Amino acid sequence: VHWPYCLRRCTYCNFNKYVPKDNNGHVVAECLQRETETLLQLSQVSCITSVFFGGGTPSLAPPSTISIILETISKHASLHDQAEVTLEVNPTLEGRSKLVDFHHAGVNRFSIGVQSLQDEDLKRLGRDHSSAEALQCIREARRLCPGRVSVDVMFGRPSQTFESWEVELSELLQVCDDHVSLYQLTLERGTQLFKQVQGGNVTMLDEEVVSEMYQHARKTLHQHGFQQYEVSNFARNKSGSLHNLSYWKGRQYIGVGPGDFIKSK
């Protein structure tokens, strides 16, 4: 389920997202509900095993919107008792303050967009949270959903060093739960970062250094009990994401919202 809005666009992002001029979240919520209902009726799906609220920044959505969409799913298909319901969270004060309400709405797994634990890098990337806020968000999410909190972290960032990456991973592993999504920063045409690199204001890291960072992260995560179950995702204690596995194995899924699509059998 794609919530398309963000408060700002990160410098590296080329996803289908919008910075709204007006507060029309209620209109989007109604559209998402109607689209969910229509697609479930057309697909004749009988059982849903996972729901993933992505973005954009879905933690900007009212918890009532999440609740309504889950109720709509339950009305038109069987939502499995053990269904995985994930919500991506931007670890700002606003995102963190709504965790309890999202949990009450039916979310049982959080994916925290940490990206970096270096405040200067967060500013360069256009993120609107600090490293301290990210760490606190992880702690609070883990209290609500122990064993079901994922963190996104990005490597290959401009000015990042191998040594700082080692420190960052060590700090992250002190607070993270049982799932880590590891992404290499890529340069996408049309983004602010692309323009900065083209203008000579920012230099991307050498590919050899980036490769060393990735291999070090894989080794470090393995030493802490994580197993790599697809390209970017690592889990321990059987905490692999049903949503990620469905994509990876080419299973059927329904996409709701302006940036989603459907895969049928």
Protein backbone atom coordinates (compact mmCIF):
# COMPACT_ATOMS: atom_id res chain seq x y z
CA VAL A 1 0.00 0.00 0.00
CA HIS A 2 1.71 3.16 -1.24
CA TRP A 3 1.30 6.36 0.78
CA PRO A 4 2.75 8.86 -1.72
CA TYR A 5 3.52 11.89 0.44
CA CYS A 6 6.72 13.16 2.04
CA LEU A 7 7.41 16.42 3.84
CA ARG A 8 10.52 16.84 1.69
CA ARG A 9 12.41 14.94 -0.99
CA CYS A 10 15.74 13.36 -0.02
CA THR A 11 18.64 14.34 -2.26
CA TYR A 12 19.11 10.79 -3.61
CA CYS A 13 15.45 9.83 -4.09
CA ASN A 14 13.77 9.28 -7.47
CA PHE A 15 10.77 7.31 -6.16
CA ASN A 16 7.17 8.14 -7.01
CA LYS A 17 6.44 10.56 -4.19
CA TYR A 18 5.05 14.05 -3.73
CA VAL A 19 5.49 16.97 -1.35
CA PRO A 20 1.87 18.15 -0.94
CA LYS A 21 0.94 21.82 -1.05
CA ASP A 22 -2.36 21.16 0.70
CA ASN A 23 -3.38 18.80 3.47
CA ASN A 24 -5.48 16.40 1.42
CA GLY A 25 -4.48 13.24 3.23
CA HIS A 26 -8.13 12.39 3.85
CA VAL A 27 -8.73 12.32 0.08
CA VAL A 28 -5.78 9.97 -0.46
CA ALA A 29 -7.00 7.76 2.39
CA GLU A 30 -10.42 7.47 0.79
CA CYS A 31 -8.87 6.66 -2.60
CA LEU A 32 -6.62 3.99 -1.07
CA GLN A 33 -9.59 2.41 0.67
CA ARG A 34 -11.68 2.33 -2.51
CA GLU A 35 -8.80 0.98 -4.59
CA THR A 36 -8.12 -1.73 -2.00
CA GLU A 37 -11.76 -2.77 -2.08
CA THR A 38 -11.94 -2.77 -5.89
CA LEU A 39 -8.73 -4.73 -6.44
CA LEU A 40 -9.61 -7.36 -3.85
CA GLN A 41 -12.99 -7.88 -5.50
CA LEU A 42 -11.48 -8.12 -8.98
CA SER A 43 -8.62 -10.41 -7.97
CA GLN A 44 -10.85 -12.73 -5.94
CA VAL A 45 -7.96 -13.34 -3.54
CA SER A 46 -9.14 -15.43 -0.61
CA CYS A 47 -6.32 -14.97 1.92
CA ILE A 48 -3.81 -12.19 2.62
CA THR A 49 -0.62 -13.21 4.44
CA SER A 50 1.19 -9.85 4.53
CA VAL A 51 0.46 -6.14 4.17
CA PHE A 52 3.21 -3.57 3.64
CA PHE A 53 2.63 0.17 3.99
CA GLY A 54 5.42 1.91 2.06
CA GLY A 55 6.04 5.32 0.62
CA GLY A 56 6.59 8.09 0.38
CA THR A 57 6.41 8.35 4.14
CA PRO A 58 3.50 6.24 5.42
CA SER A 59 4.22 7.25 9.01
CA LEU A 60 2.77 10.63 7.98
CA ALA A 61 -0.60 8.95 7.45
CA PRO A 62 -3.15 9.06 10.27
CA PRO A 63 -3.26 5.74 12.16
CA SER A 64 -7.00 5.72 11.43
CA THR A 65 -6.16 5.38 7.71
CA ILE A 66 -4.09 2.28 8.41
CA SER A 67 -6.92 0.84 10.49
CA ILE A 68 -9.52 1.51 7.78
CA ILE A 69 -7.44 -0.15 5.06
CA LEU A 70 -6.84 -3.23 7.22
CA GLU A 71 -10.56 -3.41 7.99
CA THR A 72 -11.30 -3.18 4.26
CA ILE A 73 -8.91 -6.05 3.58
CA SER A 74 -10.54 -8.16 6.30
CA LYS A 75 -13.98 -7.44 4.87
CA HIS A 76 -13.16 -8.63 1.34
CA ALA A 77 -10.52 -11.31 2.01
CA SER A 78 -9.32 -13.35 4.92
CA LEU A 79 -6.48 -11.57 6.70
CA HIS A 80 -4.44 -14.45 8.11
CA ASP A 81 -4.20 -14.63 11.91
CA GLN A 82 -0.41 -14.54 11.64
CA ALA A 83 -0.35 -11.94 8.86
CA GLU A 84 2.69 -9.68 8.79
CA VAL A 85 1.61 -6.01 8.74
CA THR A 86 4.61 -3.72 8.18
CA LEU A 87 4.75 0.07 8.20
CA GLU A 88 7.76 2.11 7.10
CA VAL A 89 8.62 4.79 9.65
CA ASN A 90 10.64 7.95 9.25
CA PRO A 91 12.33 8.21 12.69
CA THR A 92 11.43 11.83 13.37
CA LEU A 93 9.68 12.92 16.54
CA GLU A 94 6.35 12.84 14.67
CA GLY A 95 6.92 9.33 13.35
CA ARG A 96 8.02 8.07 16.75
CA SER A 97 5.07 9.66 18.55
CA LYS A 98 2.60 7.65 16.47
CA LEU A 99 4.14 4.19 16.91
CA VAL A 100 1.71 3.14 19.66
CA ASP A 101 -1.30 4.28 17.63
CA PHE A 102 -0.04 2.47 14.54
CA HIS A 103 0.40 -0.66 16.62
CA HIS A 104 -3.16 -0.36 17.94
CA ALA A 105 -4.35 0.10 14.35
CA GLY A 106 -3.00 -3.33 13.46
CA VAL A 107 0.66 -2.85 12.54
CA ASN A 108 2.82 -5.63 13.99
CA ARG A 109 6.13 -4.89 12.25
CA PHE A 110 8.03 -1.64 11.75
CA SER A 111 10.69 -0.79 9.17
CA ILE A 112 12.75 2.17 10.40
CA GLY A 113 14.42 4.37 7.77
CA VAL A 114 17.65 5.03 9.67
CA GLN A 115 19.89 5.33 6.56
CA SER A 116 22.84 6.70 8.56
CA LEU A 117 24.00 7.26 12.11
CA GLN A 118 26.20 10.17 11.05
CA ASP A 119 24.36 13.47 11.47
CA GLU A 120 26.36 15.28 8.80
CA ASP A 121 25.58 12.53 6.29
CA LEU A 122 21.89 12.69 7.19
CA LYS A 123 21.93 16.41 6.37
CA ARG A 124 23.67 15.78 3.04
CA LEU A 125 21.08 13.16 2.16
CA GLY A 126 18.25 15.55 2.97
CA ARG A 127 16.94 13.43 5.84
CA ASP A 128 14.93 15.24 8.51
CA HIS A 129 15.94 13.20 11.55
CA SER A 130 19.07 12.92 13.68
CA SER A 131 21.02 9.80 14.63
CA ALA A 132 19.80 10.14 18.22
CA GLU A 133 16.18 10.24 17.03
CA ALA A 134 16.76 7.14 14.89
CA LEU A 135 18.22 5.16 17.79
CA GLN A 136 15.36 6.18 20.08
CA CYS A 137 12.80 5.21 17.45
CA ILE A 138 14.35 1.75 17.15
CA ARG A 139 14.19 1.25 20.92
CA GLU A 140 10.54 2.30 21.14
CA ALA A 141 9.53 0.19 18.13
CA ARG A 142 11.24 -2.85 19.65
CA ARG A 143 9.27 -2.43 22.87
CA LEU A 144 6.05 -2.58 20.86
CA CYS A 145 7.03 -5.31 18.39
CA PRO A 146 9.97 -7.30 19.78
CA GLY A 147 11.63 -9.38 17.09
CA ARG A 148 9.70 -7.58 14.35
CA VAL A 149 11.60 -4.35 13.75
CA SER A 150 13.75 -3.82 10.67
CA VAL A 151 16.26 -1.03 10.09
CA ASP A 152 17.30 0.40 6.72
CA VAL A 153 20.90 1.55 6.50
CA MET A 154 22.75 2.97 3.50
CA PHE A 155 26.42 2.67 2.58
CA GLY A 156 28.56 4.22 -0.14
CA ARG A 157 27.56 7.72 0.91
CA PRO A 158 29.68 10.70 -0.25
CA SER A 159 32.50 11.45 2.23
CA GLN A 160 31.84 8.20 4.12
CA THR A 161 34.97 6.29 5.11
CA PHE A 162 35.50 2.60 5.72
CA GLU A 163 36.48 3.38 9.32
CA SER A 164 33.34 5.40 10.00
CA TRP A 165 31.26 2.58 8.46
CA GLU A 166 32.82 0.11 10.91
CA VAL A 167 31.89 2.35 13.84
CA GLU A 168 28.40 2.91 12.47
CA LEU A 169 27.70 -0.82 12.09
CA SER A 170 28.95 -1.47 15.60
CA GLU A 171 26.66 1.20 17.02
CA LEU A 172 23.70 -0.05 15.01
CA LEU A 173 24.15 -3.64 16.14
CA GLN A 174 23.96 -2.54 19.77
CA VAL A 175 20.35 -1.41 19.34
CA CYS A 176 18.91 -3.12 16.26
CA ASP A 177 16.43 -5.97 16.34
CA ASP A 178 16.53 -9.10 14.15
CA HIS A 179 16.30 -7.61 10.65
CA VAL A 180 18.59 -5.28 8.70
CA SER A 181 18.12 -3.98 5.15
CA LEU A 182 21.43 -2.90 3.65
CA TYR A 183 21.35 -0.59 0.64
CA GLN A 184 24.10 0.88 -1.50
CA LEU A 185 23.53 4.54 -2.33
CA THR A 186 22.99 4.77 -6.07
CA LEU A 187 23.16 7.88 -8.21
CA GLU A 188 19.83 8.40 -9.97
CA ARG A 189 19.37 10.82 -12.85
CA GLY A 190 17.13 13.78 -12.03
CA THR A 191 17.83 13.81 -8.30
CA GLN A 192 19.44 16.66 -6.40
CA LEU A 193 22.42 14.41 -5.65
CA PHE A 194 22.88 13.70 -9.36
CA LYS A 195 22.99 17.44 -10.07
CA GLN A 196 25.50 17.97 -7.25
CA VAL A 197 27.79 15.26 -8.62
CA GLN A 198 27.45 16.54 -12.20
CA GLY A 199 28.32 20.04 -10.99
CA GLY A 200 31.43 18.83 -9.21
CA ASN A 201 30.15 19.75 -5.75
CA VAL A 202 29.90 16.16 -4.50
CA THR A 203 32.10 13.15 -5.24
CA MET A 204 30.79 9.59 -5.07
CA LEU A 205 32.96 6.93 -3.45
CA ASP A 206 35.21 4.67 -5.46
CA GLU A 207 33.49 1.39 -6.36
CA GLU A 208 36.29 -0.64 -4.75
CA VAL A 209 35.74 1.12 -1.42
CA VAL A 210 31.98 0.60 -1.69
CA SER A 211 32.53 -3.10 -2.38
CA GLU A 212 34.76 -3.40 0.69
CA MET A 213 32.07 -1.71 2.79
CA TYR A 214 29.46 -4.19 1.58
CA GLN A 215 31.64 -7.23 2.21
CA HIS A 216 32.56 -5.96 5.67
CA ALA A 217 28.89 -5.41 6.51
CA ARG A 218 27.98 -8.93 5.35
CA LYS A 219 30.77 -10.41 7.45
CA THR A 220 29.87 -8.34 10.52
CA LEU A 221 26.17 -9.17 10.30
CA HIS A 222 26.97 -12.87 9.91
CA GLN A 223 29.15 -12.72 13.03
CA HIS A 224 26.13 -11.36 14.91
CA GLY A 225 23.87 -14.20 13.84
CA PHE A 226 22.29 -12.67 10.74
CA GLN A 227 21.73 -14.70 7.59
CA GLN A 228 21.43 -13.06 4.18
CA TYR A 229 18.17 -14.27 2.63
CA GLU A 230 18.11 -11.98 -0.41
CA VAL A 231 20.26 -9.28 -1.98
CA SER A 232 19.70 -6.49 0.55
CA ASN A 233 18.09 -8.22 3.52
CA PHE A 234 19.56 -9.95 6.56
CA ALA A 235 17.66 -11.65 9.38
CA ARG A 236 18.22 -13.76 12.47
CA ASN A 237 15.89 -15.77 14.70
CA LYS A 238 13.64 -16.57 11.71
CA SER A 239 12.70 -12.90 11.28
CA GLY A 240 12.82 -12.75 7.49
CA SER A 241 10.10 -10.55 6.00
CA LEU A 242 7.17 -12.35 4.34
CA HIS A 243 6.74 -9.30 2.11
CA ASN A 244 10.35 -9.41 0.90
CA LEU A 245 10.23 -13.16 0.36
CA SER A 246 7.03 -12.86 -1.68
CA TYR A 247 8.74 -10.39 -4.02
CA TRP A 248 11.89 -12.48 -4.21
CA LYS A 249 10.02 -15.70 -5.01
CA GLY A 250 7.69 -14.09 -7.54
CA ARG A 251 4.50 -14.75 -5.62
CA GLN A 252 1.18 -13.06 -6.27
CA TYR A 253 0.60 -9.64 -4.71
CA ILE A 254 -1.73 -6.67 -5.04
CA GLY A 255 -0.37 -3.12 -5.20
CA VAL A 256 -2.52 -0.24 -3.99
CA GLY A 257 -1.69 3.43 -4.52
CA PRO A 258 -0.05 5.62 -7.19
CA GLY A 259 3.36 3.93 -7.07
CA ASP A 260 2.30 0.29 -6.88
CA PHE A 261 1.32 -2.48 -9.25
CA ILE A 262 -0.08 -6.01 -9.27
CA LYS A 263 1.55 -9.36 -9.92
CA SER A 264 -0.96 -12.10 -10.63
CA LYS A 265 -0.43 -15.75 -11.34
